Amino acid sequence: MASVTNGFLAATILSLLASAAYAQLSPAFYARTCPNLQTIVGSAMAQVVRQEPRMGASIIRLFFHDCFVNGCDASVLLDDTPTMIGEKNAAGNANSLRGYQVIDAIKSRVEAACRSTVSCADILALASRDAVTLLGGPSWTVLLGRRDARTASMAAANANLPPATDGINNLISRFSAKGLDLRDLTALSGAHTVGAARCINFRPHIYGDSNVDPGFAMFRKRICPAAAGVGDSNLTPLDSTSPNRFDVSYYRDLMARRGLLHSDQELFNNGPADGLVRLYSSNGRAFNTDFAAAMVKMGNISPLLGSAGEIRLNCRQAN
């Protein structure tokens, strides 16, 4: 009974904190201080995605990996210092997370227009939304007013980021700890309809799991040798049908046992998310609606507000 009560209290606290964040964040936060902000970010992202569609997926992932550690505070963008080991080289980020230079370039444009005004955290939130839209996915209103963290933590990243080996129960638990439910988990996982994964992350699934389509696994094994350390960085699309298009083919892949990661296929494995996968696989409107709503919720995980944190001049280092 005590554990149930504690869980209820934790969920209540998370709900209250989320409500407080919603109350303080606003889509019009920079309406007077940086009125052209969204145009600046949008035009920069359009150029980036046109040149390399996969970078759009990388920016979406960068936002997720920021929010899931200590909240949406741009801590993931901080370089290590002599006194701080940050998040860039955490287990889920090292040699994998990318797009830092894109955010740097956008920040430079924003600073030229609105000096010391817009946080790196808000730029990342806007860039992520624009990446989804430019790849053919939904749009949504981004609430703004986050401030930037002055520090980062590799230990927190290692503890909070879901590894590709997570099972459904662990995934549900990790998302619940951030105030996100099963629908949010299943919808947000749909971001894997774009982008690619490294062999080191999908090797355990294609060689060790039984719930994999044999033909799908055989082709991936040509890209990813069984021996650890061999071809670890070899890439293959997360979505085998349309890796540069934000659509529902990811869910159709799951139903055909063609999820690339163990954690992907766990969403359709005789478990609690099966019904949502079936829904999204045949109803793009439902997926788009739920994905957009989940991105807004995720974007409001523990933001720094008011006088907390700072507005970094350089996204890679504290002022």
Protein backbone atom coordinates (compact mmCIF):
# COMPACT_ATOMS: atom_id res chain seq x y z
CA MET A 1 0.00 0.00 0.00
CA ALA A 2 2.88 2.37 0.82
CA SER A 3 4.40 1.89 -2.66
CA VAL A 4 1.05 2.62 -4.31
CA THR A 5 0.65 5.76 -2.21
CA ASN A 6 4.18 6.88 -3.00
CA GLY A 7 3.60 6.27 -6.70
CA PHE A 8 0.39 8.30 -6.59
CA LEU A 9 2.15 11.15 -4.80
CA ALA A 10 4.99 11.11 -7.34
CA ALA A 11 2.54 11.22 -10.23
CA THR A 12 0.63 14.05 -8.55
CA ILE A 13 3.81 16.06 -8.05
CA LEU A 14 4.81 15.52 -11.68
CA SER A 15 1.37 16.66 -12.80
CA LEU A 16 1.55 19.81 -10.68
CA LEU A 17 5.04 20.62 -11.96
CA ALA A 18 3.92 20.12 -15.55
CA SER A 19 0.91 22.38 -14.96
CA ALA A 20 3.18 25.06 -13.52
CA ALA A 21 5.45 24.83 -16.56
CA TYR A 22 2.50 25.11 -18.94
CA ALA A 23 1.33 28.19 -17.05
CA GLN A 24 4.69 29.96 -17.39
CA LEU A 25 5.72 28.92 -20.90
CA SER A 26 4.02 30.73 -23.77
CA PRO A 27 4.11 30.60 -27.59
CA ALA A 28 4.34 34.40 -27.51
CA PHE A 29 7.26 34.56 -25.07
CA TYR A 30 9.55 36.30 -27.62
CA ALA A 31 6.84 38.19 -29.50
CA ARG A 32 8.31 41.56 -28.50
CA THR A 33 11.94 40.70 -27.78
CA CYS A 34 12.66 38.51 -30.83
CA PRO A 35 9.67 38.63 -33.19
CA ASN A 36 11.47 36.92 -36.10
CA LEU A 37 12.71 33.98 -34.04
CA GLN A 38 10.56 31.27 -35.60
CA THR A 39 11.30 32.51 -39.12
CA ILE A 40 15.04 32.40 -38.42
CA VAL A 41 14.91 28.88 -37.01
CA GLY A 42 12.53 27.63 -39.70
CA SER A 43 14.58 28.92 -42.62
CA ALA A 44 17.79 27.48 -41.18
CA MET A 45 16.19 24.08 -40.62
CA ALA A 46 14.71 24.07 -44.13
CA GLN A 47 18.20 24.50 -45.55
CA VAL A 48 19.64 21.77 -43.31
CA VAL A 49 16.93 19.19 -44.05
CA ARG A 50 17.07 19.92 -47.78
CA GLN A 51 20.81 19.21 -47.78
CA GLU A 52 20.64 16.16 -45.49
CA PRO A 53 17.22 14.76 -44.53
CA ARG A 54 18.76 12.48 -41.90
CA MET A 55 19.91 15.55 -39.97
CA GLY A 56 16.26 16.33 -39.33
CA ALA A 57 15.96 13.01 -37.51
CA SER A 58 19.15 13.78 -35.59
CA ILE A 59 17.74 17.08 -34.32
CA ILE A 60 14.56 15.35 -33.13
CA ARG A 61 16.70 12.82 -31.28
CA LEU A 62 18.89 15.58 -29.82
CA PHE A 63 15.80 17.19 -28.30
CA PHE A 64 14.62 13.87 -26.83
CA HIS A 65 18.05 13.16 -25.34
CA ASP A 66 18.10 16.61 -23.79
CA CYS A 67 14.66 16.48 -22.20
CA PHE A 68 15.01 12.97 -20.80
CA VAL A 69 18.01 13.72 -18.59
CA ASN A 70 17.41 16.75 -16.37
CA GLY A 71 14.59 18.29 -18.38
CA CYS A 72 14.53 20.45 -21.51
CA ASP A 73 17.39 22.73 -20.50
CA ALA A 74 19.93 22.34 -23.35
CA SER A 75 22.34 20.59 -20.98
CA VAL A 76 23.05 18.03 -23.71
CA LEU A 77 24.71 20.78 -25.77
CA LEU A 78 27.35 21.60 -23.15
CA ASP A 79 30.94 20.54 -23.80
CA ASP A 80 32.96 18.93 -21.02
CA THR A 81 35.09 21.21 -18.86
CA PRO A 82 37.93 20.50 -16.41
CA THR A 83 35.34 20.46 -13.62
CA MET A 84 32.33 18.89 -15.40
CA ILE A 85 31.79 15.67 -17.32
CA GLY A 86 28.74 16.38 -19.41
CA GLU A 87 26.25 14.34 -21.41
CA LYS A 88 27.80 14.20 -24.87
CA ASN A 89 29.88 11.10 -24.08
CA ALA A 90 27.23 9.25 -22.07
CA ALA A 91 26.49 5.69 -23.18
CA GLY A 92 23.46 6.66 -25.29
CA ASN A 93 25.14 9.69 -26.86
CA ALA A 94 28.81 9.02 -27.57
CA ASN A 95 29.67 8.62 -31.27
CA SER A 96 25.94 8.68 -31.95
CA LEU A 97 24.20 11.94 -31.08
CA ARG A 98 24.70 14.61 -33.73
CA GLY A 99 23.42 17.97 -34.87
CA TYR A 100 25.31 20.15 -32.39
CA GLN A 101 26.74 22.26 -35.21
CA VAL A 102 23.25 22.87 -36.58
CA ILE A 103 22.09 24.33 -33.28
CA ASP A 104 25.32 26.37 -33.08
CA ALA A 105 24.63 27.86 -36.52
CA ILE A 106 21.02 28.70 -35.67
CA LYS A 107 22.09 30.22 -32.37
CA SER A 108 24.53 32.48 -34.22
CA ARG A 109 21.75 33.72 -36.49
CA VAL A 110 19.43 34.28 -33.55
CA GLU A 111 22.11 36.14 -31.57
CA ALA A 112 22.72 38.43 -34.55
CA ALA A 113 19.04 39.35 -34.51
CA CYS A 114 18.28 39.27 -30.77
CA ARG A 115 21.34 39.48 -28.53
CA SER A 116 21.24 37.54 -25.22
CA THR A 117 17.51 36.90 -25.53
CA VAL A 118 16.68 33.38 -26.75
CA SER A 119 17.77 30.24 -24.91
CA CYS A 120 19.46 27.31 -26.60
CA ALA A 121 16.74 25.14 -25.03
CA ASP A 122 14.03 27.03 -26.91
CA ILE A 123 16.00 26.97 -30.16
CA LEU A 124 16.32 23.18 -29.86
CA ALA A 125 12.58 22.83 -29.17
CA LEU A 126 11.70 24.90 -32.25
CA ALA A 127 14.27 23.16 -34.46
CA SER A 128 12.88 19.77 -33.46
CA ARG A 129 9.32 20.80 -34.38
CA ASP A 130 10.50 22.20 -37.70
CA ALA A 131 12.47 19.01 -38.45
CA VAL A 132 9.32 16.91 -38.03
CA THR A 133 7.25 19.22 -40.23
CA LEU A 134 9.88 19.47 -42.95
CA LEU A 135 10.09 15.68 -43.13
CA GLY A 136 6.34 15.46 -43.71
CA GLY A 137 5.07 15.15 -40.16
CA PRO A 138 2.70 17.29 -38.09
CA SER A 139 3.25 20.76 -36.73
CA TRP A 140 2.32 22.11 -33.31
CA THR A 141 2.58 25.27 -31.26
CA VAL A 142 5.85 25.30 -29.31
CA LEU A 143 5.60 26.82 -25.86
CA LEU A 144 8.63 29.01 -25.16
CA GLY A 145 10.41 30.57 -22.21
CA ARG A 146 12.86 27.85 -21.17
CA ARG A 147 16.25 28.88 -19.87
CA ASP A 148 19.56 27.09 -20.21
CA ALA A 149 21.32 24.93 -17.66
CA ARG A 150 24.76 25.96 -16.46
CA THR A 151 25.86 22.37 -15.97
CA ALA A 152 25.34 18.85 -17.31
CA SER A 153 25.76 15.32 -15.98
CA MET A 154 27.02 12.18 -17.68
CA ALA A 155 25.77 10.15 -14.73
CA ALA A 156 22.24 11.53 -15.12
CA ALA A 157 22.30 10.79 -18.86
CA ASN A 158 23.45 7.23 -18.26
CA ALA A 159 20.71 6.73 -15.67
CA ASN A 160 17.81 8.26 -17.60
CA LEU A 161 18.23 7.61 -21.33
CA PRO A 162 16.48 4.41 -22.47
CA PRO A 163 18.93 1.96 -24.09
CA ALA A 164 18.01 0.07 -27.25
CA THR A 165 17.88 -3.13 -25.17
CA ASP A 166 15.04 -1.94 -22.91
CA GLY A 167 11.94 -4.09 -22.64
CA ILE A 168 8.41 -2.72 -22.59
CA ASN A 169 8.11 -2.61 -18.81
CA ASN A 170 11.34 -0.65 -18.43
CA LEU A 171 10.27 1.72 -21.18
CA ILE A 172 6.91 2.35 -19.54
CA SER A 173 8.66 2.97 -16.21
CA ARG A 174 11.20 5.40 -17.68
CA PHE A 175 8.54 7.39 -19.50
CA SER A 176 6.23 7.40 -16.50
CA ALA A 177 9.02 8.88 -14.40
CA LYS A 178 8.99 11.83 -16.82
CA GLY A 179 5.22 12.25 -16.67
CA LEU A 180 4.61 10.46 -19.98
CA ASP A 181 2.16 7.57 -20.40
CA LEU A 182 1.97 4.55 -22.71
CA ARG A 183 0.31 6.58 -25.48
CA ASP A 184 3.12 9.15 -25.29
CA LEU A 185 5.74 6.39 -25.35
CA THR A 186 4.22 4.70 -28.39
CA ALA A 187 3.67 7.95 -30.28
CA LEU A 188 7.12 9.39 -29.53
CA SER A 189 8.74 6.13 -30.61
CA GLY A 190 7.22 6.86 -34.01
CA ALA A 191 10.01 9.39 -34.52
CA HIS A 192 11.96 6.29 -35.57
CA THR A 193 10.10 6.52 -38.85
CA VAL A 194 13.06 8.71 -39.85
CA GLY A 195 16.79 8.36 -39.26
CA ALA A 196 19.20 5.48 -38.88
CA ALA A 197 20.77 3.34 -36.17
CA ARG A 198 24.24 1.94 -35.70
CA CYS A 199 25.03 -1.76 -35.83
CA ILE A 200 26.13 -1.75 -32.19
CA ASN A 201 22.57 -0.84 -31.19
CA PHE A 202 20.62 -3.28 -33.37
CA ARG A 203 23.06 -6.25 -33.32
CA PRO A 204 21.56 -7.83 -30.16
CA HIS A 205 18.09 -7.75 -31.71
CA ILE A 206 18.83 -9.25 -35.12
CA TYR A 207 21.11 -11.96 -33.72
CA GLY A 208 19.58 -12.68 -30.34
CA ASP A 209 15.81 -12.17 -30.52
CA SER A 210 13.22 -14.56 -31.93
CA ASN A 211 10.53 -11.99 -32.79
CA VAL A 212 12.30 -10.82 -35.96
CA ASP A 213 11.31 -11.45 -39.56
CA PRO A 214 14.04 -13.82 -40.89
CA GLY A 215 14.46 -12.04 -44.22
CA PHE A 216 14.70 -8.66 -42.50
CA ALA A 217 17.32 -10.00 -40.08
CA MET A 218 19.34 -11.69 -42.84
CA PHE A 219 19.71 -8.46 -44.80
CA ARG A 220 20.72 -6.50 -41.67
CA LYS A 221 23.29 -9.13 -40.79
CA ARG A 222 25.09 -8.30 -44.04
CA ILE A 223 25.48 -4.75 -42.73
CA CYS A 224 26.18 -5.72 -39.12
CA PRO A 225 28.58 -8.65 -38.51
CA ALA A 226 27.98 -10.79 -35.43
CA ALA A 227 31.40 -10.15 -33.90
CA ALA A 228 31.41 -7.36 -31.35
CA GLY A 229 33.55 -4.45 -32.47
CA VAL A 230 33.26 -5.28 -36.16
CA GLY A 231 31.22 -2.74 -38.08
CA ASP A 232 29.81 -1.19 -34.91
CA SER A 233 29.21 2.16 -36.61
CA ASN A 234 27.63 0.76 -39.78
CA LEU A 235 24.26 2.44 -40.31
CA THR A 236 20.91 1.18 -41.52
CA PRO A 237 17.54 2.99 -41.60
CA LEU A 238 15.23 2.61 -38.62
CA ASP A 239 12.30 2.55 -41.07
CA SER A 240 12.90 0.10 -43.90
CA THR A 241 10.29 1.66 -46.20
CA SER A 242 10.60 5.46 -46.11
CA PRO A 243 13.51 6.51 -43.86
CA ASN A 244 13.36 10.17 -44.89
CA ARG A 245 9.61 10.57 -44.65
CA PHE A 246 7.71 11.14 -41.40
CA ASP A 247 4.83 8.68 -41.78
CA VAL A 248 3.33 5.55 -40.21
CA SER A 249 5.48 2.94 -41.96
CA TYR A 250 7.46 2.46 -38.72
CA TYR A 251 4.37 0.94 -37.12
CA ARG A 252 3.71 -1.23 -40.13
CA ASP A 253 7.28 -2.49 -39.83
CA LEU A 254 6.64 -3.39 -36.18
CA MET A 255 3.56 -5.40 -37.15
CA ALA A 256 5.67 -7.28 -39.71
CA ARG A 257 8.37 -7.98 -37.05
CA ARG A 258 10.74 -5.58 -38.80
CA GLY A 259 11.53 -3.25 -35.93
CA LEU A 260 15.26 -2.55 -36.04
CA LEU A 261 15.89 -2.17 -32.32
CA HIS A 262 14.85 -4.50 -29.53
CA SER A 263 13.11 -1.55 -27.84
CA ASP A 264 11.21 -0.82 -31.07
CA GLN A 265 9.85 -4.33 -31.47
CA GLU A 266 8.87 -4.41 -27.80
CA LEU A 267 6.04 -2.03 -28.72
CA PHE A 268 4.45 -4.83 -30.75
CA ASN A 269 5.19 -8.07 -28.97
CA ASN A 270 1.92 -9.26 -27.41
CA GLY A 271 2.12 -6.41 -24.94
CA PRO A 272 0.23 -3.31 -23.78
CA ALA A 273 1.21 -1.11 -26.74
CA ASP A 274 0.00 -3.51 -29.46
CA GLY A 275 -3.36 -1.76 -29.85
CA LEU A 276 -1.77 1.65 -30.29
CA VAL A 277 0.67 0.28 -32.88
CA ARG A 278 -2.27 -1.17 -34.84
CA LEU A 279 -4.11 2.16 -34.59
CA TYR A 280 -1.19 4.27 -35.79
CA SER A 281 -0.27 1.83 -38.56
CA SER A 282 -3.60 2.50 -40.28
CA ASN A 283 -4.49 5.98 -39.05
CA GLY A 284 -1.95 8.67 -39.84
CA ARG A 285 -4.17 11.39 -38.44
CA ALA A 286 -4.33 9.69 -35.03
CA PHE A 287 -0.56 9.27 -35.02
CA ASN A 288 0.10 12.88 -36.00
CA THR A 289 -2.28 14.17 -33.34
CA ASP A 290 -0.83 12.00 -30.59
CA PHE A 291 2.76 12.63 -31.63
CA ALA A 292 2.30 16.40 -31.59
CA ALA A 293 0.62 16.26 -28.17
CA ALA A 294 3.38 14.04 -26.80
CA MET A 295 6.08 16.38 -28.09
CA VAL A 296 4.43 19.28 -26.28
CA LYS A 297 4.33 17.22 -23.08
CA MET A 298 7.93 16.14 -23.47
CA GLY A 299 8.97 19.72 -24.16
CA ASN A 300 7.61 20.67 -20.76
CA ILE A 301 9.67 18.22 -18.74
CA SER A 302 11.26 20.24 -15.91
CA PRO A 303 12.14 23.42 -17.83
CA LEU A 304 14.20 26.09 -16.12
CA LEU A 305 11.99 29.14 -15.73
CA GLY A 306 12.11 32.70 -14.47
CA SER A 307 15.51 33.49 -13.01
CA ALA A 308 16.73 29.88 -12.99
CA GLY A 309 19.62 28.99 -15.29
CA GLU A 310 20.70 31.53 -17.89
CA ILE A 311 20.50 32.53 -21.55
CA ARG A 312 23.74 31.11 -22.96
CA LEU A 313 25.56 33.14 -25.58
CA ASN A 314 27.28 29.96 -26.78
CA CYS A 315 25.26 26.76 -26.61
CA ARG A 316 28.39 24.71 -25.91
CA GLN A 317 29.42 26.52 -22.73
CA ALA A 318 27.98 28.37 -19.78
CA ASN A 319 28.41 32.13 -19.77
